[in-house]
Amino acid sequence: MTSQEQYCLTEDITRKCPECDADVSLSRGTRDAEIVTCPDCSFEMEVVFDPSTLNLGEVAKRVRKGESPYDVSKLDLTVSPTLVPAPQEDEDWGE
């Protein structure tokens, strides 16, 4: 993935608000770094796709079975998004 490309959800999912623990729906097409708002407490969050969340369990299973771990055609390489507090913008006092 180049620096120009972004991760994008391919299905609707739900995550928990880090502030109030309410369900926050993320719809298909939601992109990395998108700002979403909690429907319960109005807390603003940034959607972050972290490549370290790749599901590598399938790779381990294949190695245990003696299969090649390098055939990625059958692996689930889904990156799971998390919600973090949105970055705060600094005040611009016209300086």
PDB file of N, CA and C in Angstrom:
ATOM      1  N   MET A   1       0.850  -1.171   0.000  1.00  0.00           N
ATOM      2  CA  MET A   1       0.000   0.000   0.000  1.00  0.00           C
ATOM      3  C   MET A   1       0.892   1.229   0.000  1.00  0.00           C
ATOM      4  N   THR A   2       0.664   2.140  -0.921  1.00  0.00           N
ATOM      5  CA  THR A   2       1.463   3.354  -0.985  1.00  0.00           C
ATOM      6  C   THR A   2       0.932   4.377  -0.003  1.00  0.00           C
ATOM      7  N   SER A   3       1.725   5.424   0.209  1.00  0.00           N
ATOM      8  CA  SER A   3       1.298   6.465   1.143  1.00  0.00           C
ATOM      9  C   SER A   3       0.069   7.212   0.635  1.00  0.00           C
ATOM     10  N   GLN A   4      -0.216   7.111  -0.671  1.00  0.00           N
ATOM     11  CA  GLN A   4      -1.383   7.774  -1.243  1.00  0.00           C
ATOM     12  C   GLN A   4      -2.681   7.009  -0.962  1.00  0.00           C
ATOM     13  N   GLU A   5      -2.569   5.694  -0.742  1.00  0.00           N
ATOM     14  CA  GLU A   5      -3.741   4.865  -0.537  1.00  0.00           C
ATOM     15  C   GLU A   5      -4.161   4.885   0.930  1.00  0.00           C
ATOM     16  N   GLN A   6      -5.445   4.637   1.174  1.00  0.00           N
ATOM     17  CA  GLN A   6      -5.961   4.552   2.530  1.00  0.00           C
ATOM     18  C   GLN A   6      -6.756   3.274   2.691  1.00  0.00           C
ATOM     19  N   TYR A   7      -6.789   2.785   3.925  1.00  0.00           N
ATOM     20  CA  TYR A   7      -7.672   1.667   4.229  1.00  0.00           C
ATOM     21  C   TYR A   7      -9.109   2.169   4.201  1.00  0.00           C
ATOM     22  N   CYS A   8     -10.026   1.269   3.879  1.00  0.00           N
ATOM     23  CA  CYS A   8     -11.438   1.620   3.787  1.00  0.00           C
ATOM     24  C   CYS A   8     -12.258   0.401   4.192  1.00  0.00           C
ATOM     25  N   LEU A   9     -13.322   0.615   4.970  1.00  0.00           N
ATOM     26  CA  LEU A   9     -14.170  -0.501   5.384  1.00  0.00           C
ATOM     27  C   LEU A   9     -14.926  -1.081   4.199  1.00  0.00           C
ATOM     28  N   THR A  10     -15.018  -2.393   4.166  1.00  0.00           N
ATOM     29  CA  THR A  10     -15.755  -3.057   3.096  1.00  0.00           C
ATOM     30  C   THR A  10     -17.097  -3.587   3.580  1.00  0.00           C
ATOM     31  N   GLU A  11     -17.388  -3.386   4.873  1.00  0.00           N
ATOM     32  CA  GLU A  11     -18.681  -3.797   5.437  1.00  0.00           C
ATOM     33  C   GLU A  11     -18.990  -2.918   6.643  1.00  0.00           C
ATOM     34  N   ASP A  12     -20.255  -2.881   7.042  1.00  0.00           N
ATOM     35  CA  ASP A  12     -20.660  -2.133   8.226  1.00  0.00           C
ATOM     36  C   ASP A  12     -20.198  -2.874   9.474  1.00  0.00           C
ATOM     37  N   ILE A  13     -19.630  -2.133  10.444  1.00  0.00           N
ATOM     38  CA  ILE A  13     -19.201  -2.731  11.704  1.00  0.00           C
ATOM     39  C   ILE A  13     -19.553  -1.801  12.860  1.00  0.00           C
ATOM     40  N   THR A  14     -19.397  -2.293  14.077  1.00  0.00           N
ATOM     41  CA  THR A  14     -19.638  -1.503  15.279  1.00  0.00           C
ATOM     42  C   THR A  14     -18.408  -1.559  16.166  1.00  0.00           C
ATOM     43  N   ARG A  15     -18.044  -0.412  16.747  1.00  0.00           N
ATOM     44  CA  ARG A  15     -16.960  -0.319  17.717  1.00  0.00           C
ATOM     45  C   ARG A  15     -17.487   0.411  18.946  1.00  0.00           C
ATOM     46  N   LYS A  16     -16.758   0.350  20.042  1.00  0.00           N
ATOM     47  CA  LYS A  16     -17.157   1.009  21.289  1.00  0.00           C
ATOM     48  C   LYS A  16     -16.523   2.392  21.389  1.00  0.00           C
ATOM     49  N   CYS A  17     -17.298   3.344  21.892  1.00  0.00           N
ATOM     50  CA  CYS A  17     -16.786   4.685  22.153  1.00  0.00           C
ATOM     51  C   CYS A  17     -15.806   4.605  23.327  1.00  0.00           C
ATOM     52  N   PRO A  18     -14.588   5.157  23.188  1.00  0.00           N
ATOM     53  CA  PRO A  18     -13.632   5.094  24.288  1.00  0.00           C
ATOM     54  C   PRO A  18     -14.015   5.988  25.467  1.00  0.00           C
ATOM     55  N   GLU A  19     -14.962   6.880  25.269  1.00  0.00           N
ATOM     56  CA  GLU A  19     -15.374   7.799  26.329  1.00  0.00           C
ATOM     57  C   GLU A  19     -16.522   7.247  27.164  1.00  0.00           C
ATOM     58  N   CYS A  20     -17.586   6.732  26.500  1.00  0.00           N
ATOM     59  CA  CYS A  20     -18.781   6.309  27.246  1.00  0.00           C
ATOM     60  C   CYS A  20     -19.149   4.842  27.025  1.00  0.00           C
ATOM     61  N   ASP A  21     -18.406   4.131  26.192  1.00  0.00           N
ATOM     62  CA  ASP A  21     -18.603   2.715  25.905  1.00  0.00           C
ATOM     63  C   ASP A  21     -19.873   2.413  25.105  1.00  0.00           C
ATOM     64  N   ALA A  22     -20.446   3.420  24.467  1.00  0.00           N
ATOM     65  CA  ALA A  22     -21.626   3.207  23.621  1.00  0.00           C
ATOM     66  C   ALA A  22     -21.195   2.604  22.287  1.00  0.00           C
ATOM     67  N   ASP A  23     -22.110   1.944  21.606  1.00  0.00           N
ATOM     68  CA  ASP A  23     -21.840   1.413  20.276  1.00  0.00           C
ATOM     69  C   ASP A  23     -21.780   2.546  19.262  1.00  0.00           C
ATOM     70  N   VAL A  24     -20.741   2.534  18.441  1.00  0.00           N
ATOM     71  CA  VAL A  24     -20.584   3.507  17.370  1.00  0.00           C
ATOM     72  C   VAL A  24     -20.561   2.725  16.064  1.00  0.00           C
ATOM     73  N   SER A  25     -21.514   3.013  15.194  1.00  0.00           N
ATOM     74  CA  SER A  25     -21.603   2.318  13.908  1.00  0.00           C
ATOM     75  C   SER A  25     -20.665   2.962  12.900  1.00  0.00           C
ATOM     76  N   LEU A  26     -19.892   2.115  12.228  1.00  0.00           N
ATOM     77  CA  LEU A  26     -19.026   2.561  11.144  1.00  0.00           C
ATOM     78  C   LEU A  26     -19.549   1.908   9.876  1.00  0.00           C
ATOM     79  N   SER A  27     -19.899   2.710   8.899  1.00  0.00           N
ATOM     80  CA  SER A  27     -20.509   2.172   7.695  1.00  0.00           C
ATOM     81  C   SER A  27     -19.472   1.848   6.634  1.00  0.00           C
ATOM     82  N   ARG A  28     -19.869   0.995   5.731  1.00  0.00           N
ATOM     83  CA  ARG A  28     -19.026   0.613   4.598  1.00  0.00           C
ATOM     84  C   ARG A  28     -18.542   1.895   3.914  1.00  0.00           C
ATOM     85  N   GLY A  29     -17.262   1.942   3.602  1.00  0.00           N
ATOM     86  CA  GLY A  29     -16.702   3.122   2.955  1.00  0.00           C
ATOM     87  C   GLY A  29     -16.003   4.063   3.921  1.00  0.00           C
ATOM     88  N   THR A  30     -16.148   3.829   5.240  1.00  0.00           N
ATOM     89  CA  THR A  30     -15.442   4.656   6.214  1.00  0.00           C
ATOM     90  C   THR A  30     -13.948   4.498   5.988  1.00  0.00           C
ATOM     91  N   ARG A  31     -13.226   5.617   5.968  1.00  0.00           N
ATOM     92  CA  ARG A  31     -11.797   5.612   5.643  1.00  0.00           C
ATOM     93  C   ARG A  31     -10.916   5.872   6.864  1.00  0.00           C
ATOM     94  N   ASP A  32      -9.665   5.474   6.720  1.00  0.00           N
ATOM     95  CA  ASP A  32      -8.651   5.755   7.724  1.00  0.00           C
ATOM     96  C   ASP A  32      -8.578   7.268   7.957  1.00  0.00           C
ATOM     97  N   ALA A  33      -8.454   7.673   9.212  1.00  0.00           N
ATOM     98  CA  ALA A  33      -8.337   9.073   9.641  1.00  0.00           C
ATOM     99  C   ALA A  33      -9.650   9.847   9.562  1.00  0.00           C
ATOM    100  N   GLU A  34     -10.746   9.177   9.252  1.00  0.00           N
ATOM    101  CA  GLU A  34     -12.054   9.841   9.232  1.00  0.00           C
ATOM    102  C   GLU A  34     -12.480  10.145  10.673  1.00  0.00           C
ATOM    103  N   ILE A  35     -13.135  11.284  10.870  1.00  0.00           N
ATOM    104  CA  ILE A  35     -13.624  11.671  12.193  1.00  0.00           C
ATOM    105  C   ILE A  35     -15.088  11.250  12.309  1.00  0.00           C
ATOM    106  N   VAL A  36     -15.424  10.537  13.399  1.00  0.00           N
ATOM    107  CA  VAL A  36     -16.802  10.131  13.676  1.00  0.00           C
ATOM    108  C   VAL A  36     -17.182  10.641  15.062  1.00  0.00           C
ATOM    109  N   THR A  37     -18.476  10.753  15.295  1.00  0.00           N
ATOM    110  CA  THR A  37     -18.981  11.269  16.566  1.00  0.00           C
ATOM    111  C   THR A  37     -19.850  10.227  17.246  1.00  0.00           C
ATOM    112  N   CYS A  38     -19.661  10.059  18.544  1.00  0.00           N
ATOM    113  CA  CYS A  38     -20.474   9.114  19.313  1.00  0.00           C
ATOM    114  C   CYS A  38     -21.920   9.606  19.346  1.00  0.00           C
ATOM    115  N   PRO A  39     -22.884   8.734  19.062  1.00  0.00           N
ATOM    116  CA  PRO A  39     -24.287   9.143  19.075  1.00  0.00           C
ATOM    117  C   PRO A  39     -24.810   9.431  20.488  1.00  0.00           C
ATOM    118  N   ASP A  40     -24.139   8.909  21.516  1.00  0.00           N
ATOM    119  CA  ASP A  40     -24.611   9.107  22.893  1.00  0.00           C
ATOM    120  C   ASP A  40     -23.995  10.320  23.581  1.00  0.00           C
ATOM    121  N   CYS A  41     -22.656  10.458  23.497  1.00  0.00           N
ATOM    122  CA  CYS A  41     -21.983  11.525  24.267  1.00  0.00           C
ATOM    123  C   CYS A  41     -21.364  12.616  23.393  1.00  0.00           C
ATOM    124  N   SER A  42     -21.474  12.488  22.068  1.00  0.00           N
ATOM    125  CA  SER A  42     -20.939  13.458  21.099  1.00  0.00           C
ATOM    126  C   SER A  42     -19.416  13.567  21.106  1.00  0.00           C
ATOM    127  N   PHE A  43     -18.733  12.573  21.674  1.00  0.00           N
ATOM    128  CA  PHE A  43     -17.274  12.548  21.688  1.00  0.00           C
ATOM    129  C   PHE A  43     -16.777  12.316  20.269  1.00  0.00           C
ATOM    130  N   GLU A  44     -15.798  13.114  19.819  1.00  0.00           N
ATOM    131  CA  GLU A  44     -15.256  12.959  18.476  1.00  0.00           C
ATOM    132  C   GLU A  44     -14.068  12.005  18.492  1.00  0.00           C
ATOM    133  N   MET A  45     -14.089  11.069  17.534  1.00  0.00           N
ATOM    134  CA  MET A  45     -13.049  10.049  17.443  1.00  0.00           C
ATOM    135  C   MET A  45     -12.508   9.973  16.028  1.00  0.00           C
ATOM    136  N   GLU A  46     -11.275   9.516  15.931  1.00  0.00           N
ATOM    137  CA  GLU A  46     -10.650   9.280  14.637  1.00  0.00           C
ATOM    138  C   GLU A  46     -10.619   7.779  14.391  1.00  0.00           C
ATOM    139  N   VAL A  47     -10.977   7.371  13.186  1.00  0.00           N
ATOM    140  CA  VAL A  47     -10.907   5.964  12.795  1.00  0.00           C
ATOM    141  C   VAL A  47      -9.458   5.677  12.393  1.00  0.00           C
ATOM    142  N   VAL A  48      -8.853   4.675  13.049  1.00  0.00           N
ATOM    143  CA  VAL A  48      -7.455   4.343  12.778  1.00  0.00           C
ATOM    144  C   VAL A  48      -7.359   2.874  12.378  1.00  0.00           C
ATOM    145  N   PHE A  49      -6.832   2.636  11.189  1.00  0.00           N
ATOM    146  CA  PHE A  49      -6.585   1.272  10.728  1.00  0.00           C
ATOM    147  C   PHE A  49      -5.137   0.952  11.053  1.00  0.00           C
ATOM    148  N   ASP A  50      -4.933   0.003  11.949  1.00  0.00           N
ATOM    149  CA  ASP A  50      -3.597  -0.350  12.407  1.00  0.00           C
ATOM    150  C   ASP A  50      -3.179  -1.672  11.772  1.00  0.00           C
ATOM    151  N   PRO A  51      -2.190  -1.651  10.869  1.00  0.00           N
ATOM    152  CA  PRO A  51      -1.764  -2.896  10.211  1.00  0.00           C
ATOM    153  C   PRO A  51      -1.293  -3.967  11.185  1.00  0.00           C
ATOM    154  N   SER A  52      -0.961  -3.602  12.408  1.00  0.00           N
ATOM    155  CA  SER A  52      -0.520  -4.610  13.377  1.00  0.00           C
ATOM    156  C   SER A  52      -1.671  -5.487  13.849  1.00  0.00           C
ATOM    157  N   THR A  53      -2.913  -5.144  13.454  1.00  0.00           N
ATOM    158  CA  THR A  53      -4.068  -5.950  13.850  1.00  0.00           C
ATOM    159  C   THR A  53      -4.401  -7.034  12.834  1.00  0.00           C
ATOM    160  N   LEU A  54      -3.525  -7.252  11.861  1.00  0.00           N
ATOM    161  CA  LEU A  54      -3.768  -8.316  10.876  1.00  0.00           C
ATOM    162  C   LEU A  54      -4.001  -9.647  11.576  1.00  0.00           C
ATOM    163  N   ASN A  55      -4.930 -10.424  11.064  1.00  0.00           N
ATOM    164  CA  ASN A  55      -5.229 -11.736  11.618  1.00  0.00           C
ATOM    165  C   ASN A  55      -4.199 -12.737  11.108  1.00  0.00           C
ATOM    166  N   LEU A  56      -3.207 -13.033  11.932  1.00  0.00           N
ATOM    167  CA  LEU A  56      -2.146 -13.951  11.524  1.00  0.00           C
ATOM    168  C   LEU A  56      -2.366 -15.360  12.053  1.00  0.00           C
ATOM    169  N   GLY A  57      -3.512 -15.616  12.665  1.00  0.00           N
ATOM    170  CA  GLY A  57      -3.816 -16.951  13.177  1.00  0.00           C
ATOM    171  C   GLY A  57      -3.803 -18.002  12.090  1.00  0.00           C
ATOM    172  N   GLU A  58      -4.262 -17.654  10.904  1.00  0.00           N
ATOM    173  CA  GLU A  58      -4.284 -18.604   9.794  1.00  0.00           C
ATOM    174  C   GLU A  58      -2.867 -18.998   9.378  1.00  0.00           C
ATOM    175  N   VAL A  59      -1.931 -18.047   9.431  1.00  0.00           N
ATOM    176  CA  VAL A  59      -0.542 -18.361   9.088  1.00  0.00           C
ATOM    177  C   VAL A  59      -0.009 -19.407  10.054  1.00  0.00           C
ATOM    178  N   ALA A  60      -0.263 -19.221  11.348  1.00  0.00           N
ATOM    179  CA  ALA A  60       0.214 -20.172  12.364  1.00  0.00           C
ATOM    180  C   ALA A  60      -0.392 -21.557  12.138  1.00  0.00           C
ATOM    181  N   LYS A  61      -1.686 -21.618  11.806  1.00  0.00           N
ATOM    182  CA  LYS A  61      -2.338 -22.909  11.554  1.00  0.00           C
ATOM    183  C   LYS A  61      -1.678 -23.639  10.388  1.00  0.00           C
ATOM    184  N   ARG A  62      -1.367 -22.899   9.333  1.00  0.00           N
ATOM    185  CA  ARG A  62      -0.780 -23.518   8.146  1.00  0.00           C
ATOM    186  C   ARG A  62       0.611 -24.050   8.451  1.00  0.00           C
ATOM    187  N   VAL A  63       1.374 -23.314   9.240  1.00  0.00           N
ATOM    188  CA  VAL A  63       2.719 -23.775   9.596  1.00  0.00           C
ATOM    189  C   VAL A  63       2.631 -25.056  10.416  1.00  0.00           C
ATOM    190  N   ARG A  64       1.681 -25.108  11.363  1.00  0.00           N
ATOM    191  CA  ARG A  64       1.510 -26.312  12.181  1.00  0.00           C
ATOM    192  C   ARG A  64       1.128 -27.521  11.322  1.00  0.00           C
ATOM    193  N   LYS A  65       0.380 -27.286  10.246  1.00  0.00           N
ATOM    194  CA  LYS A  65      -0.032 -28.378   9.352  1.00  0.00           C
ATOM    195  C   LYS A  65       1.058 -28.741   8.347  1.00  0.00           C
ATOM    196  N   GLY A  66       2.157 -27.994   8.359  1.00  0.00           N
ATOM    197  CA  GLY A  66       3.237 -28.265   7.410  1.00  0.00           C
ATOM    198  C   GLY A  66       3.011 -27.635   6.053  1.00  0.00           C
ATOM    199  N   GLU A  67       2.026 -26.750   5.932  1.00  0.00           N
ATOM    200  CA  GLU A  67       1.751 -26.083   4.660  1.00  0.00           C
ATOM    201  C   GLU A  67       2.611 -24.830   4.539  1.00  0.00           C
ATOM    202  N   SER A  68       2.709 -24.318   3.347  1.00  0.00           N
ATOM    203  CA  SER A  68       3.487 -23.103   3.113  1.00  0.00           C
ATOM    204  C   SER A  68       2.767 -21.885   3.699  1.00  0.00           C
ATOM    205  N   PRO A  69       3.450 -21.129   4.567  1.00  0.00           N
ATOM    206  CA  PRO A  69       2.830 -19.918   5.111  1.00  0.00           C
ATOM    207  C   PRO A  69       2.851 -18.765   4.120  1.00  0.00           C
ATOM    208  N   TYR A  70       3.508 -18.963   2.967  1.00  0.00           N
ATOM    209  CA  TYR A  70       3.686 -17.864   2.025  1.00  0.00           C
ATOM    210  C   TYR A  70       2.605 -17.790   0.957  1.00  0.00           C
ATOM    211  N   ASP A  71       1.709 -18.784   0.904  1.00  0.00           N
ATOM    212  CA  ASP A  71       0.603 -18.735  -0.048  1.00  0.00           C
ATOM    213  C   ASP A  71      -0.501 -17.898   0.594  1.00  0.00           C
ATOM    214  N   VAL A  72      -0.499 -16.606   0.294  1.00  0.00           N
ATOM    215  CA  VAL A  72      -1.438 -15.694   0.950  1.00  0.00           C
ATOM    216  C   VAL A  72      -2.802 -15.639   0.249  1.00  0.00           C
ATOM    217  N   SER A  73      -2.974 -16.407  -0.812  1.00  0.00           N
ATOM    218  CA  SER A  73      -4.224 -16.329  -1.566  1.00  0.00           C
ATOM    219  C   SER A  73      -5.434 -16.747  -0.733  1.00  0.00           C
ATOM    220  N   LYS A  74      -5.216 -17.543   0.321  1.00  0.00           N
ATOM    221  CA  LYS A  74      -6.334 -18.023   1.122  1.00  0.00           C
ATOM    222  C   LYS A  74      -6.356 -17.425   2.529  1.00  0.00           C
ATOM    223  N   LEU A  75      -5.533 -16.415   2.774  1.00  0.00           N
ATOM    224  CA  LEU A  75      -5.460 -15.835   4.116  1.00  0.00           C
ATOM    225  C   LEU A  75      -6.386 -14.642   4.261  1.00  0.00           C
ATOM    226  N   ASP A  76      -6.903 -14.456   5.470  1.00  0.00           N
ATOM    227  CA  ASP A  76      -7.700 -13.278   5.798  1.00  0.00           C
ATOM    228  C   ASP A  76      -6.726 -12.195   6.252  1.00  0.00           C
ATOM    229  N   LEU A  77      -6.470 -11.236   5.387  1.00  0.00           N
ATOM    230  CA  LEU A  77      -5.542 -10.160   5.723  1.00  0.00           C
ATOM    231  C   LEU A  77      -6.295  -8.868   6.030  1.00  0.00           C
ATOM    232  N   THR A  78      -7.371  -8.997   6.779  1.00  0.00           N
ATOM    233  CA  THR A  78      -8.205  -7.866   7.141  1.00  0.00           C
ATOM    234  C   THR A  78      -7.533  -7.044   8.232  1.00  0.00           C
ATOM    235  N   VAL A  79      -7.515  -5.742   8.049  1.00  0.00           N
ATOM    236  CA  VAL A  79      -7.013  -4.827   9.067  1.00  0.00           C
ATOM    237  C   VAL A  79      -8.218  -4.266   9.798  1.00  0.00           C
ATOM    238  N   SER A  80      -8.233  -4.409  11.108  1.00  0.00           N
ATOM    239  CA  SER A  80      -9.374  -3.996  11.913  1.00  0.00           C
ATOM    240  C   SER A  80      -9.199  -2.565  12.426  1.00  0.00           C
ATOM    241  N   PRO A  81     -10.201  -1.701  12.232  1.00  0.00           N
ATOM    242  CA  PRO A  81     -10.069  -0.325  12.699  1.00  0.00           C
ATOM    243  C   PRO A  81     -10.339  -0.184  14.195  1.00  0.00           C
ATOM    244  N   THR A  82      -9.727   0.821  14.801  1.00  0.00           N
ATOM    245  CA  THR A  82     -10.005   1.182  16.188  1.00  0.00           C
ATOM    246  C   THR A  82     -10.409   2.646  16.214  1.00  0.00           C
ATOM    247  N   LEU A  83     -10.998   3.067  17.316  1.00  0.00           N
ATOM    248  CA  LEU A  83     -11.394   4.458  17.496  1.00  0.00           C
ATOM    249  C   LEU A  83     -10.518   5.079  18.571  1.00  0.00           C
ATOM    250  N   VAL A  84      -9.934   6.230  18.265  1.00  0.00           N
ATOM    251  CA  VAL A  84      -9.102   6.957  19.217  1.00  0.00           C
ATOM    252  C   VAL A  84      -9.622   8.391  19.293  1.00  0.00           C
ATOM    253  N   PRO A  85      -9.348   9.098  20.403  1.00  0.00           N
ATOM    254  CA  PRO A  85      -9.788  10.494  20.483  1.00  0.00           C
ATOM    255  C   PRO A  85      -9.288  11.290  19.283  1.00  0.00           C
ATOM    256  N   ALA A  86     -10.168  12.111  18.730  1.00  0.00           N
ATOM    257  CA  ALA A  86      -9.810  12.918  17.565  1.00  0.00           C
ATOM    258  C   ALA A  86      -8.761  13.950  17.960  1.00  0.00           C
ATOM    259  N   PRO A  87      -7.840  14.248  17.047  1.00  0.00           N
ATOM    260  CA  PRO A  87      -6.843  15.282  17.350  1.00  0.00           C
ATOM    261  C   PRO A  87      -7.530  16.626  17.541  1.00  0.00           C
ATOM    262  N   GLN A  88      -7.041  17.364  18.504  1.00  0.00           N
ATOM    263  CA  GLN A  88      -7.610  18.683  18.778  1.00  0.00           C
ATOM    264  C   GLN A  88      -6.895  19.727  17.936  1.00  0.00           C
ATOM    265  N   GLU A  89      -7.657  20.591  17.317  1.00  0.00           N
ATOM    266  CA  GLU A  89      -7.067  21.655  16.517  1.00  0.00           C
ATOM    267  C   GLU A  89      -6.689  22.809  17.437  1.00  0.00           C
ATOM    268  N   ASP A  90      -5.512  23.394  17.180  1.00  0.00           N
ATOM    269  CA  ASP A  90      -5.079  24.544  17.968  1.00  0.00           C
ATOM    270  C   ASP A  90      -5.905  25.763  17.591  1.00  0.00           C
ATOM    271  N   GLU A  91      -6.097  26.643  18.563  1.00  0.00           N
ATOM    272  CA  GLU A  91      -6.800  27.897  18.310  1.00  0.00           C
ATOM    273  C   GLU A  91      -5.969  28.766  17.388  1.00  0.00           C
ATOM    274  N   ASP A  92      -6.597  29.418  16.438  1.00  0.00           N
ATOM    275  CA  ASP A  92      -5.904  30.346  15.554  1.00  0.00           C
ATOM    276  C   ASP A  92      -6.316  31.745  15.954  1.00  0.00           C
ATOM    277  N   TRP A  93      -5.400  32.449  16.570  1.00  0.00           N
ATOM    278  CA  TRP A  93      -5.691  33.795  17.074  1.00  0.00           C
ATOM    279  C   TRP A  93      -5.258  34.857  16.067  1.00  0.00           C
ATOM    280  N   GLY A  94      -5.049  34.469  14.801  1.00  0.00           N
ATOM    281  CA  GLY A  94      -4.692  35.419  13.770  1.00  0.00           C
ATOM    282  C   GLY A  94      -3.244  35.879  13.874  1.00  0.00           C
ATOM    283  N   GLU A  95      -2.411  35.087  14.500  1.00  0.00           N
ATOM    284  CA  GLU A  95      -1.008  35.484  14.642  1.00  0.00           C
ATOM    285  C   GLU A  95      -0.171  34.949  13.509  1.00  0.00           C
TER     286      GLU A  95
END
